[in-house]
Amino acid sequence: MSNRPESVASIRSELNYLSEVPSEKAAVYLHVPVPENPRRGPQLQPRSTPIHDARPVRDRLSLDTEGVILVDSPTAFSEFYDPDRVRESYFPEIEALVMRETGAIRVVAFDHNLRSKALAKEQLHGAQMPVLFAHNDYTEESGPQRVRDLFPDEAQELLEKRFAVINAWRPTRGPVRESPLAVCDAQTMGPDDLVAMDLIYPDRIGEIQSLRFDAGHRWLYFPEMEPSEVLLLKCFDSATDGRARFTAHTAFDDPNTPADVEARESIEVRTLAFFAEAR
């Protein structure tokens, strides 16, 4: 049973923001040898930031306004350590969930990550560490490029219509008390707050965004998430009609968390959601 005070409406924690916009585009090298003269990664600065409990307002949140919603979505699937079973059995479940919640006419899950500080330290199950800096997974360039990469024969037709990249984030054990996820209300981010950086893989170069600090950012989280709950985050939207297009997020250290709690384990599935309307 939780010992969190029910009256707590927000907490304060240090979130890692981009400290400066580099003169050369930042880059992170993933699973490749680092070159002799590598580009620098993002230079970060911790900022003490209020993070608001969004459970009291969860029914008022939307993907098109704040860029994030919490969905009750119990699952019978439990084989999260088996990537083949995840793709075969869990991906279709997430595709159906995203289609139902967004009104998309087609949803394709294409990627996933298992995250756990404990598992990553032991190099178990391919788990990765929680990401501890404010970022968004796609950019104006990499969103459409992912469609071209995954659907080379259909890309031209697909890109004529609206599409979005939706990240479905679920704890695989709960409640989450270590390294919970905070999400920046998309309404509070300005057009110059997000700065592109490269992710360099063995076979391609991806592009994500890191976040510059602004005191007007409003951060949200859902305390003690359970495996029956899924966060949907809109990481890219091709529509430019004023709706949320990008959603910055980061893991953070909750100051109310005892030192001996179990490490968070979570899975995130990235999906492409295609819509009937023109972009």
Protein backbone atom coordinates (compact mmCIF):
# COMPACT_ATOMS: atom_id res chain seq x y z
CA MET A 1 0.00 0.00 0.00
CA SER A 2 1.30 3.47 -0.91
CA ASN A 3 2.47 5.84 1.81
CA ARG A 4 2.33 8.85 -0.51
CA PRO A 5 0.33 11.72 1.06
CA GLU A 6 -2.96 12.05 -0.79
CA SER A 7 -2.77 15.86 -0.57
CA VAL A 8 0.37 16.10 -2.70
CA ALA A 9 -0.59 17.97 -5.91
CA SER A 10 2.95 18.40 -7.23
CA ILE A 11 6.52 17.55 -6.42
CA ARG A 12 9.78 19.22 -7.34
CA SER A 13 12.67 17.42 -8.98
CA GLU A 14 15.69 18.26 -11.11
CA LEU A 15 15.05 17.70 -14.80
CA ASN A 16 17.93 17.70 -17.26
CA TYR A 17 17.48 20.34 -19.94
CA LEU A 18 19.73 21.31 -22.84
CA SER A 19 22.18 23.84 -21.41
CA GLU A 20 23.22 25.41 -24.70
CA VAL A 21 22.51 25.14 -28.40
CA PRO A 22 25.74 23.73 -29.86
CA SER A 23 27.40 25.33 -32.85
CA GLU A 24 27.66 21.83 -34.34
CA LYS A 25 24.65 19.53 -34.22
CA ALA A 26 24.88 17.18 -31.23
CA ALA A 27 25.12 13.44 -31.85
CA VAL A 28 24.92 10.21 -29.87
CA TYR A 29 26.56 7.04 -31.23
CA LEU A 30 24.46 3.91 -30.65
CA HIS A 31 26.04 0.46 -31.09
CA VAL A 32 28.74 1.86 -33.38
CA PRO A 33 32.42 2.63 -32.79
CA VAL A 34 32.89 6.24 -31.76
CA PRO A 35 35.02 8.03 -34.39
CA GLU A 36 38.35 9.63 -33.59
CA ASN A 37 36.82 13.12 -33.57
CA PRO A 38 33.24 12.55 -32.45
CA ARG A 39 30.59 15.19 -32.32
CA ARG A 40 29.57 16.12 -28.81
CA GLY A 41 26.43 14.78 -27.24
CA PRO A 42 23.83 17.16 -25.81
CA GLN A 43 25.20 19.34 -23.01
CA LEU A 44 22.73 19.20 -20.16
CA GLN A 45 21.91 21.28 -17.10
CA PRO A 46 19.66 20.16 -14.23
CA ARG A 47 16.82 22.54 -13.39
CA SER A 48 14.66 22.30 -10.29
CA THR A 49 11.18 21.93 -11.75
CA PRO A 50 7.65 21.39 -10.38
CA ILE A 51 6.00 18.24 -11.73
CA HIS A 52 2.24 18.11 -11.34
CA ASP A 53 0.13 15.09 -10.45
CA ALA A 54 -2.09 14.73 -13.54
CA ARG A 55 -4.41 12.07 -12.14
CA PRO A 56 -7.01 14.62 -10.95
CA VAL A 57 -7.25 16.06 -14.49
CA ARG A 58 -6.69 12.89 -16.55
CA ASP A 59 -10.16 13.04 -18.10
CA ARG A 60 -9.46 16.53 -19.45
CA LEU A 61 -6.22 15.65 -21.21
CA SER A 62 -6.04 14.95 -24.96
CA LEU A 63 -3.42 13.94 -27.47
CA ASP A 64 -4.25 16.96 -29.63
CA THR A 65 -3.91 19.49 -26.79
CA GLU A 66 -1.45 18.35 -24.11
CA GLY A 67 0.00 15.57 -26.27
CA VAL A 68 -0.51 12.84 -23.64
CA ILE A 69 -3.32 10.72 -22.21
CA LEU A 70 -3.53 7.94 -19.63
CA VAL A 71 -5.58 4.92 -20.67
CA ASP A 72 -6.84 2.02 -18.58
CA SER A 73 -5.75 -0.99 -20.62
CA PRO A 74 -5.29 -4.24 -18.68
CA THR A 75 -3.32 -6.90 -20.54
CA ALA A 76 -2.97 -10.65 -20.20
CA PHE A 77 0.40 -10.49 -21.98
CA SER A 78 3.38 -11.09 -19.68
CA GLU A 79 6.31 -12.21 -21.87
CA PHE A 80 7.93 -8.79 -22.08
CA TYR A 81 11.46 -10.25 -21.93
CA ASP A 82 10.90 -12.11 -25.21
CA PRO A 83 11.18 -9.63 -28.11
CA ASP A 84 9.72 -12.05 -30.65
CA ARG A 85 6.64 -12.65 -28.49
CA VAL A 86 6.32 -8.90 -27.93
CA ARG A 87 6.21 -8.31 -31.68
CA GLU A 88 3.89 -11.25 -32.36
CA SER A 89 1.36 -10.82 -29.56
CA TYR A 90 1.79 -7.46 -27.80
CA PHE A 91 2.20 -5.24 -30.87
CA PRO A 92 -1.30 -6.08 -32.22
CA GLU A 93 -2.80 -5.24 -28.83
CA ILE A 94 -1.11 -1.83 -28.84
CA GLU A 95 -2.10 -1.19 -32.46
CA ALA A 96 -5.74 -1.77 -31.54
CA LEU A 97 -5.44 0.51 -28.51
CA VAL A 98 -3.89 3.37 -30.49
CA MET A 99 -6.47 3.00 -33.26
CA ARG A 100 -9.30 3.15 -30.74
CA GLU A 101 -7.93 6.18 -28.89
CA THR A 102 -6.88 8.25 -31.92
CA GLY A 103 -9.44 7.44 -34.62
CA ALA A 104 -6.66 6.39 -36.99
CA ILE A 105 -7.65 4.17 -39.91
CA ARG A 106 -4.39 2.19 -39.74
CA VAL A 107 -1.81 1.73 -36.97
CA VAL A 108 1.50 -0.09 -37.27
CA ALA A 109 3.74 -0.81 -34.28
CA PHE A 110 7.34 -0.84 -35.48
CA ASP A 111 9.74 -0.60 -32.54
CA HIS A 112 9.96 -1.18 -28.80
CA ASN A 113 12.28 -0.74 -25.84
CA LEU A 114 12.34 -2.44 -22.47
CA ARG A 115 13.68 -0.09 -19.79
CA SER A 116 14.93 -0.88 -16.31
CA LYS A 117 17.88 0.48 -14.37
CA ALA A 118 18.33 -2.87 -12.59
CA LEU A 119 18.07 -5.03 -15.71
CA ALA A 120 20.29 -2.72 -17.76
CA LYS A 121 23.05 -2.82 -15.11
CA GLU A 122 22.96 -6.62 -15.26
CA GLN A 123 22.77 -6.58 -19.08
CA LEU A 124 19.62 -8.69 -18.98
CA HIS A 125 16.89 -9.03 -21.62
CA GLY A 126 18.28 -6.22 -23.77
CA ALA A 127 16.92 -3.68 -21.29
CA GLN A 128 18.05 -0.08 -21.56
CA MET A 129 18.39 2.58 -18.88
CA PRO A 130 15.58 5.10 -18.36
CA VAL A 131 16.34 8.30 -20.31
CA LEU A 132 17.12 11.09 -17.86
CA PHE A 133 16.94 14.18 -20.04
CA ALA A 134 14.06 16.08 -21.57
CA HIS A 135 13.63 14.92 -25.15
CA ASN A 136 11.15 14.06 -27.89
CA ASP A 137 11.56 10.98 -30.07
CA TYR A 138 10.99 12.46 -33.55
CA THR A 139 11.49 15.65 -35.51
CA GLU A 140 10.10 17.37 -38.60
CA GLU A 141 12.63 15.36 -40.62
CA SER A 142 12.74 11.99 -38.87
CA GLY A 143 8.96 11.52 -38.58
CA PRO A 144 8.39 11.36 -42.36
CA GLN A 145 11.69 9.53 -42.84
CA ARG A 146 10.46 6.70 -40.63
CA VAL A 147 7.50 6.26 -42.98
CA ARG A 148 9.88 6.13 -45.95
CA ASP A 149 12.13 3.60 -44.17
CA LEU A 150 9.31 1.27 -43.17
CA PHE A 151 7.00 1.61 -46.18
CA PRO A 152 9.19 2.42 -49.19
CA ASP A 153 6.55 1.31 -51.72
CA GLU A 154 3.69 3.19 -50.05
CA ALA A 155 5.50 6.22 -48.64
CA GLN A 156 4.54 8.77 -51.26
CA GLU A 157 0.84 7.98 -50.88
CA LEU A 158 0.99 7.72 -47.08
CA LEU A 159 2.77 11.06 -46.68
CA GLU A 160 -0.03 12.85 -48.53
CA LYS A 161 -2.32 12.15 -45.57
CA ARG A 162 -2.01 13.06 -41.92
CA PHE A 163 0.01 10.65 -39.77
CA ALA A 164 1.39 10.64 -36.24
CA VAL A 165 3.97 8.77 -34.18
CA ILE A 166 2.40 7.59 -30.93
CA ASN A 167 4.48 6.08 -28.13
CA ALA A 168 2.63 3.61 -25.87
CA TRP A 169 4.38 3.45 -22.47
CA ARG A 170 3.39 0.76 -19.96
CA PRO A 171 4.94 -0.39 -16.66
CA THR A 172 5.58 -4.13 -16.76
CA ARG A 173 5.50 -4.25 -12.98
CA GLY A 174 4.06 -1.78 -10.52
CA PRO A 175 3.42 0.47 -8.90
CA VAL A 176 6.12 2.65 -10.52
CA ARG A 177 7.94 4.56 -7.80
CA GLU A 178 11.52 4.63 -9.13
CA SER A 179 12.29 6.65 -12.29
CA PRO A 180 8.69 7.61 -13.15
CA LEU A 181 7.97 9.39 -16.42
CA ALA A 182 7.26 13.14 -16.66
CA VAL A 183 5.67 14.69 -19.76
CA CYS A 184 5.77 18.34 -20.77
CA ASP A 185 2.33 19.75 -21.62
CA ALA A 186 2.68 20.42 -25.36
CA GLN A 187 0.71 23.68 -25.04
CA THR A 188 3.53 25.17 -22.95
CA MET A 189 6.37 24.51 -25.42
CA GLY A 190 7.38 27.21 -27.87
CA PRO A 191 8.55 26.60 -31.47
CA ASP A 192 12.21 27.21 -30.57
CA ASP A 193 12.29 25.08 -27.39
CA LEU A 194 13.11 21.81 -29.16
CA VAL A 195 16.57 21.36 -30.73
CA ALA A 196 17.39 18.51 -33.13
CA MET A 197 20.22 16.05 -32.49
CA ASP A 198 21.37 12.94 -34.36
CA LEU A 199 21.24 9.33 -33.21
CA ILE A 200 23.84 7.45 -35.21
CA TYR A 201 23.09 3.73 -35.67
CA PRO A 202 25.08 1.13 -37.63
CA ASP A 203 22.64 1.28 -40.55
CA ARG A 204 20.96 4.70 -40.35
CA ILE A 205 20.95 8.13 -38.72
CA GLY A 206 17.90 8.97 -36.65
CA GLU A 207 17.00 12.37 -35.29
CA ILE A 208 15.40 13.33 -31.97
CA GLN A 209 14.94 16.60 -30.08
CA SER A 210 16.30 17.83 -26.78
CA LEU A 211 14.53 20.57 -24.85
CA ARG A 212 15.72 24.05 -23.92
CA PHE A 213 14.61 25.39 -20.55
CA ASP A 214 11.63 27.69 -20.20
CA ALA A 215 10.06 28.51 -16.86
CA GLY A 216 6.64 28.35 -18.51
CA HIS A 217 6.86 24.62 -19.21
CA ARG A 218 4.24 22.63 -17.30
CA TRP A 219 5.30 19.09 -16.44
CA LEU A 220 2.83 16.30 -15.69
CA TYR A 221 3.12 12.78 -14.29
CA PHE A 222 0.87 10.00 -13.10
CA PRO A 223 2.03 8.74 -9.69
CA GLU A 224 2.43 5.04 -9.07
CA MET A 225 1.38 3.78 -12.48
CA GLU A 226 0.34 0.14 -12.68
CA PRO A 227 0.75 -2.42 -15.50
CA SER A 228 -2.96 -2.03 -16.25
CA GLU A 229 -2.31 1.57 -17.37
CA VAL A 230 -0.77 2.90 -20.59
CA LEU A 231 0.50 6.39 -21.35
CA LEU A 232 0.05 7.45 -24.96
CA LEU A 233 2.44 10.23 -26.01
CA LYS A 234 2.29 11.99 -29.36
CA CYS A 235 5.90 12.29 -30.50
CA PHE A 236 5.12 13.64 -33.98
CA ASP A 237 2.09 14.83 -35.91
CA SER A 238 2.26 15.88 -39.55
CA ALA A 239 -0.75 18.21 -39.11
CA THR A 240 0.17 21.88 -38.73
CA ASP A 241 -3.26 23.22 -37.75
CA GLY A 242 -2.42 24.14 -34.15
CA ARG A 243 -2.84 20.77 -32.47
CA ALA A 244 0.00 19.27 -30.40
CA ARG A 245 2.77 17.96 -32.64
CA PHE A 246 5.62 17.03 -30.26
CA THR A 247 5.67 15.90 -26.63
CA ALA A 248 8.88 16.18 -24.58
CA HIS A 249 9.31 13.67 -21.78
CA THR A 250 11.91 12.34 -19.35
CA ALA A 251 12.37 9.93 -16.49
CA PHE A 252 13.06 11.66 -13.18
CA ASP A 253 13.90 10.99 -9.54
CA ASP A 254 10.87 11.33 -7.29
CA PRO A 255 12.08 12.83 -3.96
CA ASN A 256 9.34 10.88 -2.12
CA THR A 257 10.70 7.52 -3.26
CA PRO A 258 12.42 5.39 -0.61
CA ALA A 259 15.86 4.12 -1.54
CA ASP A 260 14.90 0.44 -1.30
CA VAL A 261 11.99 0.32 -3.78
CA GLU A 262 12.09 -1.98 -6.80
CA ALA A 263 13.53 -0.50 -9.97
CA ARG A 264 10.99 0.53 -12.56
CA GLU A 265 10.46 -1.84 -15.46
CA SER A 266 8.57 -0.54 -18.48
CA ILE A 267 8.02 -1.15 -22.15
CA GLU A 268 7.48 1.51 -24.78
CA VAL A 269 6.09 0.66 -28.20
CA ARG A 270 6.32 3.20 -31.01
CA THR A 271 3.53 3.21 -33.54
CA LEU A 272 2.70 4.99 -36.77
CA ALA A 273 -0.94 6.09 -36.88
CA PHE A 274 -2.37 6.96 -40.30
CA PHE A 275 -5.50 9.07 -40.72
CA ALA A 276 -8.03 9.63 -43.50
CA GLU A 277 -7.70 13.41 -43.63
CA ALA A 278 -5.11 15.29 -45.66
CA ARG A 279 -2.13 16.61 -43.73
